[in-house]
Protein backbone atom coordinates (compact mmCIF):
# COMPACT_ATOMS: atom_id res chain seq x y z
CA MET A 1 -108.92 22.72 6.15
CA LYS A 2 -110.76 23.69 2.97
CA PRO A 3 -110.75 27.40 2.03
CA ASP A 4 -114.52 27.75 2.53
CA GLN A 5 -114.26 26.24 6.02
CA LEU A 6 -111.28 28.44 6.88
CA TYR A 7 -113.13 31.56 5.77
CA GLN A 8 -116.19 30.57 7.81
CA GLU A 9 -113.98 30.01 10.88
CA LEU A 10 -112.54 33.51 10.42
CA ILE A 11 -116.07 34.95 10.19
CA ASP A 12 -117.03 33.05 13.36
CA LEU A 13 -113.94 34.40 15.13
CA ALA A 14 -114.82 37.94 14.04
CA ASP A 15 -118.29 37.43 15.49
CA ARG A 16 -116.81 36.30 18.82
CA LEU A 17 -114.68 39.46 18.75
CA GLN A 18 -117.90 41.46 18.24
CA ILE A 19 -117.14 42.30 14.62
CA THR A 20 -119.83 41.76 12.01
CA VAL A 21 -118.54 40.66 8.61
CA SER A 22 -120.74 41.84 5.76
CA GLU A 23 -120.10 40.88 2.14
CA GLN A 24 -121.17 43.64 -0.21
CA ASN A 25 -121.02 44.40 -3.91
CA LEU A 26 -118.55 47.28 -3.72
CA LYS A 27 -118.50 47.79 -7.48
CA THR A 28 -121.96 49.37 -7.42
CA SER A 29 -121.10 51.98 -4.80
CA GLY A 30 -120.13 54.55 -7.43
CA ILE A 31 -116.91 55.42 -5.62
CA LYS A 32 -113.64 53.55 -5.33
CA VAL A 33 -113.75 51.58 -2.07
CA LYS A 34 -111.95 48.55 -0.68
CA SER A 35 -112.76 45.89 1.87
CA GLY A 36 -112.03 47.04 5.38
CA PHE A 37 -112.96 47.71 8.99
CA CYS A 38 -115.23 50.52 10.11
CA LYS A 39 -117.44 51.48 13.01
CA VAL A 40 -121.10 52.24 12.31
CA LYS A 41 -123.32 53.58 15.11
CA GLY A 42 -120.89 52.18 17.67
CA GLN A 43 -120.78 48.68 16.17
CA ASN A 44 -117.68 47.12 14.64
CA LEU A 45 -118.19 46.18 10.99
CA PHE A 46 -115.90 44.59 8.44
CA VAL A 47 -117.11 45.12 4.88
CA MET A 48 -115.81 42.49 2.45
CA ASP A 49 -116.02 42.84 -1.33
CA LYS A 50 -118.05 39.80 -2.34
CA HIS A 51 -116.28 39.67 -5.72
CA LYS A 52 -112.91 38.77 -4.18
CA SER A 53 -111.68 35.19 -4.49
CA ILE A 54 -112.01 33.01 -1.39
CA HIS A 55 -108.22 33.06 -0.95
CA GLU A 56 -108.17 36.86 -1.10
CA LYS A 57 -111.06 37.07 1.40
CA ILE A 58 -109.12 34.81 3.77
CA ARG A 59 -105.97 36.92 3.42
CA ILE A 60 -107.80 40.21 3.98
CA LEU A 61 -109.87 39.05 6.96
CA ALA A 62 -106.95 37.21 8.59
CA ALA A 63 -104.80 40.36 8.33
CA GLN A 64 -107.51 42.37 10.09
CA LEU A 65 -108.16 39.81 12.84
CA ALA A 66 -104.46 39.18 13.49
CA ASP A 67 -104.15 42.76 14.80
CA ILE A 68 -106.97 42.35 17.32
CA PRO A 69 -106.18 40.75 20.70
CA HIS A 70 -107.53 37.20 20.56
CA GLU A 71 -105.27 35.25 22.92
CA ASP A 72 -108.07 34.52 25.43
CA ILE A 73 -110.42 33.03 22.83
CA TYR A 74 -110.38 29.42 21.68
CA ILE A 75 -109.47 29.31 18.00
CA VAL A 76 -109.17 26.13 15.96
CA PRO A 77 -105.47 25.34 15.34
CA ALA A 78 -105.58 25.96 11.56
CA VAL A 79 -106.96 29.47 12.09
CA ARG A 80 -104.57 30.24 14.95
CA ASP A 81 -101.63 29.17 12.75
CA LEU A 82 -102.88 31.42 9.95
CA LEU A 83 -103.22 34.39 12.31
CA ASP A 84 -99.76 33.75 13.80
CA LYS A 85 -98.22 33.64 10.32
CA THR A 86 -100.06 36.81 9.37
CA VAL A 87 -98.72 38.65 12.42
CA ALA A 88 -95.19 37.43 11.69
CA LYS A 89 -95.15 39.06 8.23
């Protein structure tokens, strides 16, 4: 699977887990911040630095999603393998 497709599958999985992924320009925030998970007004949000490489975005988002129970959701095999490898680390 191509990196862009893999990243989109991870975003789709996050959506099914009721997590909104938002890519933002974190360099303009004026404070030192990193990509990560937060809760805003009761909604789950994952803020991704849009300046990260696609491979880094995949690694960051996969690490976050691997920790969330997802066994009851259909996930394409390539994404499931990635999440399983991420958990194993």
